[in-house]
């Protein structure tokens, strides 16, 4: 089982902006991370790629990928010549490439200013 933790937000900011677990902002972050992670996740039969959608509860701040080989694919270097974006550490690579977009979306939801 592979648990991927979301972005951590300070408690005082959470209370002030109503960013608590299960809130609109957390649901947005979870669903956007799953959606954007899709293009980075290894694909053979589609089970690993679709597992966050079927196994994660949107809004709780965790993405679950509970497949027998999720951990192995996440930490083992792999080369997918037909799909060069797909490979190991797909959540980390998605986060590095799309963090600012996701945070701007959260800012719009909670009425803050994006970068």
PDB file of N, CA and C in Angstrom:
ATOM      1  N   UNK A   1       0.849  -1.168   0.000  1.00  0.00           N
ATOM      2  CA  UNK A   1       0.000   0.000   0.000  1.00  0.00           C
ATOM      3  C   UNK A   1       0.891   1.227   0.000  1.00  0.00           C
ATOM      4  N   UNK A   2       0.525   2.217  -0.763  1.00  0.00           N
ATOM      5  CA  UNK A   2       1.300   3.436  -0.885  1.00  0.00           C
ATOM      6  C   UNK A   2       0.406   4.608  -0.505  1.00  0.00           C
ATOM      7  N   UNK A   3       0.795   5.352   0.524  1.00  0.00           N
ATOM      8  CA  UNK A   3       0.070   6.545   0.945  1.00  0.00           C
ATOM      9  C   UNK A   3       0.896   7.750   0.545  1.00  0.00           C
ATOM     10  N   UNK A   4       0.289   8.696  -0.116  1.00  0.00           N
ATOM     11  CA  UNK A   4       0.969   9.912  -0.519  1.00  0.00           C
ATOM     12  C   UNK A   4       0.336  11.068   0.240  1.00  0.00           C
ATOM     13  N   UNK A   5       1.113  11.758   1.021  1.00  0.00           N
ATOM     14  CA  UNK A   5       0.592  12.860   1.833  1.00  0.00           C
ATOM     15  C   UNK A   5       0.527  14.135   1.005  1.00  0.00           C
ATOM     16  N   UNK A   6      -0.487  14.930   1.277  1.00  0.00           N
ATOM     17  CA  UNK A   6      -0.690  16.176   0.564  1.00  0.00           C
ATOM     18  C   UNK A   6       0.176  17.278   1.160  1.00  0.00           C
ATOM     19  N   UNK A   7      -0.023  18.475   0.669  1.00  0.00           N
ATOM     20  CA  UNK A   7       0.692  19.642   1.151  1.00  0.00           C
ATOM     21  C   UNK A   7       0.258  19.949   2.585  1.00  0.00           C
ATOM     22  N   UNK A   8       1.199  20.215   3.467  1.00  0.00           N
ATOM     23  CA  UNK A   8       0.876  20.539   4.856  1.00  0.00           C
ATOM     24  C   UNK A   8       0.647  22.040   4.989  1.00  0.00           C
ATOM     25  N   UNK A   9      -0.384  22.408   5.724  1.00  0.00           N
ATOM     26  CA  UNK A   9      -0.737  23.807   5.909  1.00  0.00           C
ATOM     27  C   UNK A   9      -0.762  24.095   7.408  1.00  0.00           C
ATOM     28  N   UNK A  10      -0.265  25.272   7.823  1.00  0.00           N
ATOM     29  CA  UNK A  10      -0.197  25.611   9.245  1.00  0.00           C
ATOM     30  C   UNK A  10      -1.601  25.734   9.840  1.00  0.00           C
ATOM     31  N   UNK A  11      -1.724  25.338  11.123  1.00  0.00           N
ATOM     32  CA  UNK A  11      -3.029  25.287  11.785  1.00  0.00           C
ATOM     33  C   UNK A  11      -3.763  26.624  11.830  1.00  0.00           C
ATOM     34  N   UNK A  12      -3.069  27.723  12.150  1.00  0.00           N
ATOM     35  CA  UNK A  12      -3.763  29.010  12.255  1.00  0.00           C
ATOM     36  C   UNK A  12      -4.316  29.446  10.903  1.00  0.00           C
ATOM     37  N   UNK A  13      -3.596  29.165   9.849  1.00  0.00           N
ATOM     38  CA  UNK A  13      -4.080  29.473   8.508  1.00  0.00           C
ATOM     39  C   UNK A  13      -5.272  28.594   8.161  1.00  0.00           C
ATOM     40  N   UNK A  14      -5.230  27.358   8.587  1.00  0.00           N
ATOM     41  CA  UNK A  14      -6.329  26.420   8.335  1.00  0.00           C
ATOM     42  C   UNK A  14      -7.615  26.946   8.950  1.00  0.00           C
ATOM     43  N   UNK A  15      -7.560  27.361  10.189  1.00  0.00           N
ATOM     44  CA  UNK A  15      -8.760  27.854  10.866  1.00  0.00           C
ATOM     45  C   UNK A  15      -9.262  29.158  10.262  1.00  0.00           C
ATOM     46  N   UNK A  16      -8.344  30.048   9.943  1.00  0.00           N
ATOM     47  CA  UNK A  16      -8.729  31.351   9.423  1.00  0.00           C
ATOM     48  C   UNK A  16      -9.380  31.239   8.039  1.00  0.00           C
ATOM     49  N   UNK A  17      -8.847  30.385   7.204  1.00  0.00           N
ATOM     50  CA  UNK A  17      -9.339  30.250   5.829  1.00  0.00           C
ATOM     51  C   UNK A  17     -10.267  29.055   5.623  1.00  0.00           C
ATOM     52  N   UNK A  18     -10.587  28.360   6.693  1.00  0.00           N
ATOM     53  CA  UNK A  18     -11.460  27.182   6.635  1.00  0.00           C
ATOM     54  C   UNK A  18     -10.926  26.133   5.657  1.00  0.00           C
ATOM     55  N   UNK A  19      -9.672  25.787   5.867  1.00  0.00           N
ATOM     56  CA  UNK A  19      -8.996  24.808   5.017  1.00  0.00           C
ATOM     57  C   UNK A  19      -8.931  23.435   5.662  1.00  0.00           C
ATOM     58  N   UNK A  20      -9.800  23.164   6.601  1.00  0.00           N
ATOM     59  CA  UNK A  20      -9.758  21.909   7.344  1.00  0.00           C
ATOM     60  C   UNK A  20      -9.945  20.705   6.430  1.00  0.00           C
ATOM     61  N   UNK A  21      -9.567  19.563   6.948  1.00  0.00           N
ATOM     62  CA  UNK A  21      -9.727  18.304   6.233  1.00  0.00           C
ATOM     63  C   UNK A  21     -11.202  18.105   5.905  1.00  0.00           C
ATOM     64  N   UNK A  22     -11.482  17.774   4.679  1.00  0.00           N
ATOM     65  CA  UNK A  22     -12.859  17.596   4.241  1.00  0.00           C
ATOM     66  C   UNK A  22     -13.482  18.861   3.681  1.00  0.00           C
ATOM     67  N   UNK A  23     -12.770  19.986   3.791  1.00  0.00           N
ATOM     68  CA  UNK A  23     -13.288  21.249   3.270  1.00  0.00           C
ATOM     69  C   UNK A  23     -13.127  21.357   1.761  1.00  0.00           C
ATOM     70  N   UNK A  24     -13.675  22.438   1.208  1.00  0.00           N
ATOM     71  CA  UNK A  24     -13.622  22.637  -0.236  1.00  0.00           C
ATOM     72  C   UNK A  24     -12.192  22.662  -0.764  1.00  0.00           C
ATOM     73  N   UNK A  25     -11.310  23.344  -0.041  1.00  0.00           N
ATOM     74  CA  UNK A  25      -9.927  23.469  -0.510  1.00  0.00           C
ATOM     75  C   UNK A  25      -9.224  22.115  -0.509  1.00  0.00           C
ATOM     76  N   UNK A  26      -9.415  21.329   0.538  1.00  0.00           N
ATOM     77  CA  UNK A  26      -8.762  20.016   0.609  1.00  0.00           C
ATOM     78  C   UNK A  26      -9.305  19.085  -0.471  1.00  0.00           C
ATOM     79  N   UNK A  27     -10.596  19.145  -0.722  1.00  0.00           N
ATOM     80  CA  UNK A  27     -11.173  18.326  -1.789  1.00  0.00           C
ATOM     81  C   UNK A  27     -10.599  18.724  -3.145  1.00  0.00           C
ATOM     82  N   UNK A  28     -10.412  20.025  -3.340  1.00  0.00           N
ATOM     83  CA  UNK A  28      -9.818  20.499  -4.589  1.00  0.00           C
ATOM     84  C   UNK A  28      -8.388  19.992  -4.730  1.00  0.00           C
ATOM     85  N   UNK A  29      -7.590  20.110  -3.662  1.00  0.00           N
ATOM     86  CA  UNK A  29      -6.196  19.654  -3.707  1.00  0.00           C
ATOM     87  C   UNK A  29      -6.140  18.162  -4.005  1.00  0.00           C
ATOM     88  N   UNK A  30      -6.931  17.381  -3.310  1.00  0.00           N
ATOM     89  CA  UNK A  30      -6.923  15.928  -3.524  1.00  0.00           C
ATOM     90  C   UNK A  30      -7.280  15.574  -4.965  1.00  0.00           C
ATOM     91  N   UNK A  31      -8.369  16.141  -5.459  1.00  0.00           N
ATOM     92  CA  UNK A  31      -8.813  15.781  -6.808  1.00  0.00           C
ATOM     93  C   UNK A  31      -7.853  16.288  -7.875  1.00  0.00           C
ATOM     94  N   UNK A  32      -7.285  17.472  -7.687  1.00  0.00           N
ATOM     95  CA  UNK A  32      -6.313  17.983  -8.655  1.00  0.00           C
ATOM     96  C   UNK A  32      -5.028  17.156  -8.647  1.00  0.00           C
ATOM     97  N   UNK A  33      -4.581  16.746  -7.474  1.00  0.00           N
ATOM     98  CA  UNK A  33      -3.378  15.903  -7.403  1.00  0.00           C
ATOM     99  C   UNK A  33      -3.613  14.579  -8.119  1.00  0.00           C
ATOM    100  N   UNK A  34      -4.751  13.976  -7.907  1.00  0.00           N
ATOM    101  CA  UNK A  34      -5.060  12.711  -8.582  1.00  0.00           C
ATOM    102  C   UNK A  34      -5.135  12.926 -10.091  1.00  0.00           C
ATOM    103  N   UNK A  35      -5.793  13.991 -10.498  1.00  0.00           N
ATOM    104  CA  UNK A  35      -5.950  14.261 -11.933  1.00  0.00           C
ATOM    105  C   UNK A  35      -4.608  14.539 -12.606  1.00  0.00           C
ATOM    106  N   UNK A  36      -3.787  15.360 -11.983  1.00  0.00           N
ATOM    107  CA  UNK A  36      -2.502  15.718 -12.584  1.00  0.00           C
ATOM    108  C   UNK A  36      -1.471  14.596 -12.461  1.00  0.00           C
ATOM    109  N   UNK A  37      -1.614  13.742 -11.467  1.00  0.00           N
ATOM    110  CA  UNK A  37      -0.701  12.616 -11.272  1.00  0.00           C
ATOM    111  C   UNK A  37      -0.914  11.535 -12.333  1.00  0.00           C
ATOM    112  N   UNK A  38      -2.069  11.535 -12.949  1.00  0.00           N
ATOM    113  CA  UNK A  38      -2.443  10.509 -13.921  1.00  0.00           C
ATOM    114  C   UNK A  38      -1.404  10.341 -15.031  1.00  0.00           C
ATOM    115  N   UNK A  39      -0.909  11.443 -15.581  1.00  0.00           N
ATOM    116  CA  UNK A  39       0.028  11.355 -16.704  1.00  0.00           C
ATOM    117  C   UNK A  39       1.423  10.883 -16.300  1.00  0.00           C
ATOM    118  N   UNK A  40       1.707  10.848 -15.005  1.00  0.00           N
ATOM    119  CA  UNK A  40       3.018  10.421 -14.516  1.00  0.00           C
ATOM    120  C   UNK A  40       3.021   8.982 -13.996  1.00  0.00           C
ATOM    121  N   UNK A  41       1.843   8.426 -13.760  1.00  0.00           N
ATOM    122  CA  UNK A  41       1.720   7.096 -13.159  1.00  0.00           C
ATOM    123  C   UNK A  41       1.984   6.009 -14.192  1.00  0.00           C
ATOM    124  N   UNK A  42       2.806   5.008 -13.849  1.00  0.00           N
ATOM    125  CA  UNK A  42       3.051   3.898 -14.779  1.00  0.00           C
ATOM    126  C   UNK A  42       1.744   3.226 -15.188  1.00  0.00           C
ATOM    127  N   UNK A  43       1.686   2.797 -16.434  1.00  0.00           N
ATOM    128  CA  UNK A  43       0.452   2.223 -16.969  1.00  0.00           C
ATOM    129  C   UNK A  43       0.764   0.934 -17.717  1.00  0.00           C
ATOM    130  N   UNK A  44       0.099  -0.109 -17.321  1.00  0.00           N
ATOM    131  CA  UNK A  44       0.154  -1.366 -18.073  1.00  0.00           C
ATOM    132  C   UNK A  44      -1.268  -1.851 -18.323  1.00  0.00           C
ATOM    133  N   UNK A  45      -1.951  -2.159 -17.235  1.00  0.00           N
ATOM    134  CA  UNK A  45      -3.345  -2.590 -17.357  1.00  0.00           C
ATOM    135  C   UNK A  45      -4.308  -1.494 -16.904  1.00  0.00           C
ATOM    136  N   UNK A  46      -3.803  -0.456 -16.260  1.00  0.00           N
ATOM    137  CA  UNK A  46      -4.634   0.639 -15.789  1.00  0.00           C
ATOM    138  C   UNK A  46      -5.031   0.544 -14.334  1.00  0.00           C
ATOM    139  N   UNK A  47      -4.687  -0.565 -13.665  1.00  0.00           N
ATOM    140  CA  UNK A  47      -5.081  -0.747 -12.264  1.00  0.00           C
ATOM    141  C   UNK A  47      -4.378   0.271 -11.370  1.00  0.00           C
ATOM    142  N   UNK A  48      -3.067   0.433 -11.522  1.00  0.00           N
ATOM    143  CA  UNK A  48      -2.316   1.379 -10.697  1.00  0.00           C
ATOM    144  C   UNK A  48      -2.757   2.807 -10.987  1.00  0.00           C
ATOM    145  N   UNK A  49      -2.965   3.114 -12.239  1.00  0.00           N
ATOM    146  CA  UNK A  49      -3.360   4.460 -12.643  1.00  0.00           C
ATOM    147  C   UNK A  49      -4.742   4.831 -12.117  1.00  0.00           C
ATOM    148  N   UNK A  50      -5.660   3.885 -12.076  1.00  0.00           N
ATOM    149  CA  UNK A  50      -7.019   4.184 -11.616  1.00  0.00           C
ATOM    150  C   UNK A  50      -7.197   3.991 -10.112  1.00  0.00           C
ATOM    151  N   UNK A  51      -6.218   3.414  -9.431  1.00  0.00           N
ATOM    152  CA  UNK A  51      -6.375   3.119  -8.002  1.00  0.00           C
ATOM    153  C   UNK A  51      -6.591   4.347  -7.119  1.00  0.00           C
ATOM    154  N   UNK A  52      -5.979   5.518  -7.382  1.00  0.00           N
ATOM    155  CA  UNK A  52      -6.272   6.656  -6.503  1.00  0.00           C
ATOM    156  C   UNK A  52      -7.735   7.077  -6.562  1.00  0.00           C
ATOM    157  N   UNK A  53      -8.345   6.966  -7.721  1.00  0.00           N
ATOM    158  CA  UNK A  53      -9.742   7.359  -7.873  1.00  0.00           C
ATOM    159  C   UNK A  53     -10.671   6.417  -7.126  1.00  0.00           C
ATOM    160  N   UNK A  54     -10.369   5.127  -7.163  1.00  0.00           N
ATOM    161  CA  UNK A  54     -11.257   4.148  -6.543  1.00  0.00           C
ATOM    162  C   UNK A  54     -10.964   3.914  -5.065  1.00  0.00           C
ATOM    163  N   UNK A  55      -9.731   4.192  -4.610  1.00  0.00           N
ATOM    164  CA  UNK A  55      -9.342   3.844  -3.244  1.00  0.00           C
ATOM    165  C   UNK A  55      -9.161   5.035  -2.310  1.00  0.00           C
ATOM    166  N   UNK A  56      -9.105   6.231  -2.833  1.00  0.00           N
ATOM    167  CA  UNK A  56      -8.889   7.407  -1.992  1.00  0.00           C
ATOM    168  C   UNK A  56     -10.213   8.073  -1.669  1.00  0.00           C
ATOM    169  N   UNK A  57     -10.294   8.633  -0.478  1.00  0.00           N
ATOM    170  CA  UNK A  57     -11.469   9.412  -0.101  1.00  0.00           C
ATOM    171  C   UNK A  57     -11.108  10.880  -0.297  1.00  0.00           C
ATOM    172  N   UNK A  58     -11.720  11.496  -1.281  1.00  0.00           N
ATOM    173  CA  UNK A  58     -11.417  12.883  -1.611  1.00  0.00           C
ATOM    174  C   UNK A  58     -11.765  13.768  -0.417  1.00  0.00           C
ATOM    175  N   UNK A  59     -10.789  14.566   0.021  1.00  0.00           N
ATOM    176  CA  UNK A  59     -11.000  15.488   1.124  1.00  0.00           C
ATOM    177  C   UNK A  59     -10.291  15.100   2.401  1.00  0.00           C
ATOM    178  N   UNK A  60      -9.708  13.883   2.475  1.00  0.00           N
ATOM    179  CA  UNK A  60      -9.037  13.499   3.719  1.00  0.00           C
ATOM    180  C   UNK A  60      -7.542  13.785   3.700  1.00  0.00           C
ATOM    181  N   UNK A  61      -7.009  14.267   2.591  1.00  0.00           N
ATOM    182  CA  UNK A  61      -5.609  14.666   2.545  1.00  0.00           C
ATOM    183  C   UNK A  61      -4.633  13.557   2.237  1.00  0.00           C
ATOM    184  N   UNK A  62      -5.121  12.402   1.828  1.00  0.00           N
ATOM    185  CA  UNK A  62      -4.243  11.289   1.463  1.00  0.00           C
ATOM    186  C   UNK A  62      -4.722  10.672   0.161  1.00  0.00           C
ATOM    187  N   UNK A  63      -3.743  10.265  -0.646  1.00  0.00           N
ATOM    188  CA  UNK A  63      -4.054   9.516  -1.858  1.00  0.00           C
ATOM    189  C   UNK A  63      -3.571   8.100  -1.619  1.00  0.00           C
ATOM    190  N   UNK A  64      -4.451   7.139  -1.820  1.00  0.00           N
ATOM    191  CA  UNK A  64      -4.081   5.732  -1.611  1.00  0.00           C
ATOM    192  C   UNK A  64      -3.958   5.030  -2.950  1.00  0.00           C
ATOM    193  N   UNK A  65      -2.900   4.263  -3.070  1.00  0.00           N
ATOM    194  CA  UNK A  65      -2.728   3.394  -4.230  1.00  0.00           C
ATOM    195  C   UNK A  65      -2.386   2.021  -3.690  1.00  0.00           C
ATOM    196  N   UNK A  66      -3.404   1.232  -3.457  1.00  0.00           N
ATOM    197  CA  UNK A  66      -3.249  -0.070  -2.823  1.00  0.00           C
ATOM    198  C   UNK A  66      -3.281  -1.164  -3.885  1.00  0.00           C
ATOM    199  N   UNK A  67      -2.164  -1.331  -4.559  1.00  0.00           N
ATOM    200  CA  UNK A  67      -2.002  -2.426  -5.515  1.00  0.00           C
ATOM    201  C   UNK A  67      -0.757  -3.194  -5.099  1.00  0.00           C
ATOM    202  N   UNK A  68      -0.642  -4.453  -5.484  1.00  0.00           N
ATOM    203  CA  UNK A  68       0.499  -5.261  -5.045  1.00  0.00           C
ATOM    204  C   UNK A  68       1.855  -4.685  -5.457  1.00  0.00           C
ATOM    205  N   UNK A  69       1.880  -3.913  -6.518  1.00  0.00           N
ATOM    206  CA  UNK A  69       3.156  -3.442  -7.039  1.00  0.00           C
ATOM    207  C   UNK A  69       3.334  -1.926  -6.945  1.00  0.00           C
ATOM    208  N   UNK A  70       2.462  -1.225  -6.264  1.00  0.00           N
ATOM    209  CA  UNK A  70       2.544   0.235  -6.192  1.00  0.00           C
ATOM    210  C   UNK A  70       3.853   0.699  -5.570  1.00  0.00           C
ATOM    211  N   UNK A  71       4.227   0.127  -4.448  1.00  0.00           N
ATOM    212  CA  UNK A  71       5.460   0.540  -3.771  1.00  0.00           C
ATOM    213  C   UNK A  71       6.680   0.258  -4.642  1.00  0.00           C
ATOM    214  N   UNK A  72       6.699  -0.903  -5.265  1.00  0.00           N
ATOM    215  CA  UNK A  72       7.849  -1.255  -6.110  1.00  0.00           C
ATOM    216  C   UNK A  72       7.977  -0.269  -7.269  1.00  0.00           C
ATOM    217  N   UNK A  73       6.889   0.025  -7.951  1.00  0.00           N
ATOM    218  CA  UNK A  73       6.956   0.958  -9.067  1.00  0.00           C
ATOM    219  C   UNK A  73       7.292   2.369  -8.607  1.00  0.00           C
ATOM    220  N   UNK A  74       6.860   2.734  -7.412  1.00  0.00           N
ATOM    221  CA  UNK A  74       7.113   4.094  -6.936  1.00  0.00           C
ATOM    222  C   UNK A  74       8.593   4.323  -6.653  1.00  0.00           C
ATOM    223  N   UNK A  75       9.265   3.347  -6.058  1.00  0.00           N
ATOM    224  CA  UNK A  75      10.649   3.537  -5.628  1.00  0.00           C
ATOM    225  C   UNK A  75      11.693   2.937  -6.563  1.00  0.00           C
ATOM    226  N   UNK A  76      11.298   2.139  -7.551  1.00  0.00           N
ATOM    227  CA  UNK A  76      12.250   1.516  -8.465  1.00  0.00           C
ATOM    228  C   UNK A  76      12.329   2.323  -9.753  1.00  0.00           C
ATOM    229  N   UNK A  77      13.537   2.643 -10.157  1.00  0.00           N
ATOM    230  CA  UNK A  77      13.744   3.394 -11.391  1.00  0.00           C
ATOM    231  C   UNK A  77      13.234   2.586 -12.581  1.00  0.00           C
ATOM    232  N   UNK A  78      12.512   3.207 -13.469  1.00  0.00           N
ATOM    233  CA  UNK A  78      11.970   2.523 -14.643  1.00  0.00           C
ATOM    234  C   UNK A  78      12.044   3.461 -15.840  1.00  0.00           C
ATOM    235  N   UNK A  79      12.160   2.887 -17.002  1.00  0.00           N
ATOM    236  CA  UNK A  79      12.227   3.662 -18.231  1.00  0.00           C
ATOM    237  C   UNK A  79      11.062   3.256 -19.129  1.00  0.00           C
ATOM    238  N   UNK A  80      10.165   4.173 -19.362  1.00  0.00           N
ATOM    239  CA  UNK A  80       9.026   3.923 -20.235  1.00  0.00           C
ATOM    240  C   UNK A  80       9.249   4.715 -21.519  1.00  0.00           C
ATOM    241  N   UNK A  81       9.814   4.072 -22.522  1.00  0.00           N
ATOM    242  CA  UNK A  81      10.176   4.780 -23.750  1.00  0.00           C
ATOM    243  C   UNK A  81       8.954   5.284 -24.517  1.00  0.00           C
ATOM    244  N   UNK A  82       7.842   4.571 -24.447  1.00  0.00           N
ATOM    245  CA  UNK A  82       6.635   5.005 -25.152  1.00  0.00           C
ATOM    246  C   UNK A  82       5.925   6.158 -24.443  1.00  0.00           C
ATOM    247  N   UNK A  83       6.153   6.294 -23.160  1.00  0.00           N
ATOM    248  CA  UNK A  83       5.520   7.354 -22.368  1.00  0.00           C
ATOM    249  C   UNK A  83       6.559   7.907 -21.395  1.00  0.00           C
ATOM    250  N   UNK A  84       7.403   8.828 -21.852  1.00  0.00           N
ATOM    251  CA  UNK A  84       8.534   9.276 -21.028  1.00  0.00           C
ATOM    252  C   UNK A  84       8.160   9.978 -19.724  1.00  0.00           C
ATOM    253  N   UNK A  85       6.947  10.504 -19.600  1.00  0.00           N
ATOM    254  CA  UNK A  85       6.542  11.138 -18.337  1.00  0.00           C
ATOM    255  C   UNK A  85       6.249  10.111 -17.252  1.00  0.00           C
ATOM    256  N   UNK A  86       5.851   8.925 -17.647  1.00  0.00           N
ATOM    257  CA  UNK A  86       5.496   7.885 -16.683  1.00  0.00           C
ATOM    258  C   UNK A  86       6.757   7.297 -16.081  1.00  0.00           C
ATOM    259  N   UNK A  87       6.705   6.965 -14.794  1.00  0.00           N
ATOM    260  CA  UNK A  87       7.855   6.359 -14.144  1.00  0.00           C
ATOM    261  C   UNK A  87       7.759   6.461 -12.639  1.00  0.00           C
ATOM    262  N   UNK A  88       8.879   6.259 -11.983  1.00  0.00           N
ATOM    263  CA  UNK A  88       8.908   6.222 -10.520  1.00  0.00           C
ATOM    264  C   UNK A  88       8.637   7.607  -9.919  1.00  0.00           C
ATOM    265  N   UNK A  89       8.259   7.606  -8.665  1.00  0.00           N
ATOM    266  CA  UNK A  89       7.993   8.812  -7.866  1.00  0.00           C
ATOM    267  C   UNK A  89       7.064   9.790  -8.585  1.00  0.00           C
ATOM    268  N   UNK A  90       5.980   9.245  -9.123  1.00  0.00           N
ATOM    269  CA  UNK A  90       5.055  10.044  -9.915  1.00  0.00           C
ATOM    270  C   UNK A  90       4.405  11.153  -9.121  1.00  0.00           C
ATOM    271  N   UNK A  91       4.132  10.944  -7.838  1.00  0.00           N
ATOM    272  CA  UNK A  91       3.523  12.015  -7.036  1.00  0.00           C
ATOM    273  C   UNK A  91       4.509  13.163  -6.837  1.00  0.00           C
ATOM    274  N   UNK A  92       5.760  12.841  -6.510  1.00  0.00           N
ATOM    275  CA  UNK A  92       6.773  13.883  -6.302  1.00  0.00           C
ATOM    276  C   UNK A  92       7.012  14.689  -7.575  1.00  0.00           C
ATOM    277  N   UNK A  93       7.072  14.007  -8.706  1.00  0.00           N
ATOM    278  CA  UNK A  93       7.296  14.712  -9.969  1.00  0.00           C
ATOM    279  C   UNK A  93       6.093  15.571 -10.342  1.00  0.00           C
ATOM    280  N   UNK A  94       4.883  15.069 -10.104  1.00  0.00           N
ATOM    281  CA  UNK A  94       3.685  15.869 -10.350  1.00  0.00           C
ATOM    282  C   UNK A  94       3.690  17.101  -9.453  1.00  0.00           C
ATOM    283  N   UNK A  95       4.032  16.913  -8.188  1.00  0.00           N
ATOM    284  CA  UNK A  95       4.040  18.023  -7.234  1.00  0.00           C
ATOM    285  C   UNK A  95       5.050  19.092  -7.652  1.00  0.00           C
ATOM    286  N   UNK A  96       6.225  18.675  -8.095  1.00  0.00           N
ATOM    287  CA  UNK A  96       7.233  19.639  -8.538  1.00  0.00           C
ATOM    288  C   UNK A  96       6.772  20.425  -9.759  1.00  0.00           C
ATOM    289  N   UNK A  97       6.044  19.788 -10.645  1.00  0.00           N
ATOM    290  CA  UNK A  97       5.626  20.445 -11.886  1.00  0.00           C
ATOM    291  C   UNK A  97       4.323  21.227 -11.772  1.00  0.00           C
ATOM    292  N   UNK A  98       3.455  20.888 -10.834  1.00  0.00           N
ATOM    293  CA  UNK A  98       2.115  21.486 -10.800  1.00  0.00           C
ATOM    294  C   UNK A  98       1.743  22.121  -9.463  1.00  0.00           C
ATOM    295  N   UNK A  99       2.665  22.215  -8.528  1.00  0.00           N
ATOM    296  CA  UNK A  99       2.361  22.760  -7.198  1.00  0.00           C
ATOM    297  C   UNK A  99       1.755  24.157  -7.281  1.00  0.00           C
ATOM    298  N   UNK A 100       2.373  25.038  -8.066  1.00  0.00           N
ATOM    299  CA  UNK A 100       1.896  26.419  -8.126  1.00  0.00           C
ATOM    300  C   UNK A 100       0.479  26.518  -8.696  1.00  0.00           C
ATOM    301  N   UNK A 101       0.169  25.721  -9.716  1.00  0.00           N
ATOM    302  CA  UNK A 101      -1.190  25.716 -10.281  1.00  0.00           C
ATOM    303  C   UNK A 101      -2.216  25.298  -9.231  1.00  0.00           C
ATOM    304  N   UNK A 102      -1.880  24.255  -8.491  1.00  0.00           N
ATOM    305  CA  UNK A 102      -2.800  23.744  -7.472  1.00  0.00           C
ATOM    306  C   UNK A 102      -3.004  24.785  -6.376  1.00  0.00           C
ATOM    307  N   UNK A 103      -1.928  25.419  -5.938  1.00  0.00           N
ATOM    308  CA  UNK A 103      -2.042  26.435  -4.891  1.00  0.00           C
ATOM    309  C   UNK A 103      -2.810  27.662  -5.375  1.00  0.00           C
ATOM    310  N   UNK A 104      -2.678  28.025  -6.643  1.00  0.00           N
ATOM    311  CA  UNK A 104      -3.469  29.135  -7.185  1.00  0.00           C
ATOM    312  C   UNK A 104      -4.957  28.788  -7.194  1.00  0.00           C
ATOM    313  N   UNK A 105      -5.265  27.540  -7.508  1.00  0.00           N
ATOM    314  CA  UNK A 105      -6.658  27.094  -7.466  1.00  0.00           C
ATOM    315  C   UNK A 105      -7.226  27.152  -6.061  1.00  0.00           C
ATOM    316  N   UNK A 106      -6.423  26.754  -5.081  1.00  0.00           N
ATOM    317  CA  UNK A 106      -6.849  26.832  -3.679  1.00  0.00           C
ATOM    318  C   UNK A 106      -7.078  28.285  -3.289  1.00  0.00           C
ATOM    319  N   UNK A 107      -6.178  29.172  -3.713  1.00  0.00           N
ATOM    320  CA  UNK A 107      -6.321  30.593  -3.389  1.00  0.00           C
ATOM    321  C   UNK A 107      -7.640  31.145  -3.928  1.00  0.00           C
ATOM    322  N   UNK A 108      -8.030  30.738  -5.121  1.00  0.00           N
ATOM    323  CA  UNK A 108      -9.307  31.195  -5.686  1.00  0.00           C
ATOM    324  C   UNK A 108     -10.485  30.691  -4.860  1.00  0.00           C
ATOM    325  N   UNK A 109     -10.387  29.462  -4.392  1.00  0.00           N
ATOM    326  CA  UNK A 109     -11.482  28.870  -3.614  1.00  0.00           C
ATOM    327  C   UNK A 109     -11.661  29.575  -2.277  1.00  0.00           C
ATOM    328  N   UNK A 110     -10.555  29.876  -1.591  1.00  0.00           N
ATOM    329  CA  UNK A 110     -10.643  30.439  -0.239  1.00  0.00           C
ATOM    330  C   UNK A 110     -10.590  31.963  -0.224  1.00  0.00           C
ATOM    331  N   UNK A 111     -10.473  32.573  -1.391  1.00  0.00           N
ATOM    332  CA  UNK A 111     -10.476  34.025  -1.449  1.00  0.00           C
ATOM    333  C   UNK A 111      -9.136  34.653  -1.152  1.00  0.00           C
ATOM    334  N   UNK A 112      -8.074  33.904  -1.286  1.00  0.00           N
ATOM    335  CA  UNK A 112      -6.735  34.444  -1.064  1.00  0.00           C
ATOM    336  C   UNK A 112      -6.113  34.914  -2.360  1.00  0.00           C
ATOM    337  N   UNK A 113      -4.863  35.314  -2.258  1.00  0.00           N
ATOM    338  CA  UNK A 113      -4.126  35.764  -3.432  1.00  0.00           C
ATOM    339  C   UNK A 113      -3.140  34.688  -3.837  1.00  0.00           C
ATOM    340  N   UNK A 114      -3.167  34.305  -5.089  1.00  0.00           N
ATOM    341  CA  UNK A 114      -2.191  33.355  -5.612  1.00  0.00           C
ATOM    342  C   UNK A 114      -0.903  34.074  -5.952  1.00  0.00           C
ATOM    343  N   UNK A 115       0.136  33.296  -6.158  1.00  0.00           N
ATOM    344  CA  UNK A 115       1.430  33.902  -6.519  1.00  0.00           C
ATOM    345  C   UNK A 115       1.405  34.408  -7.932  1.00  0.00           C
TER     346      UNK A 115
END
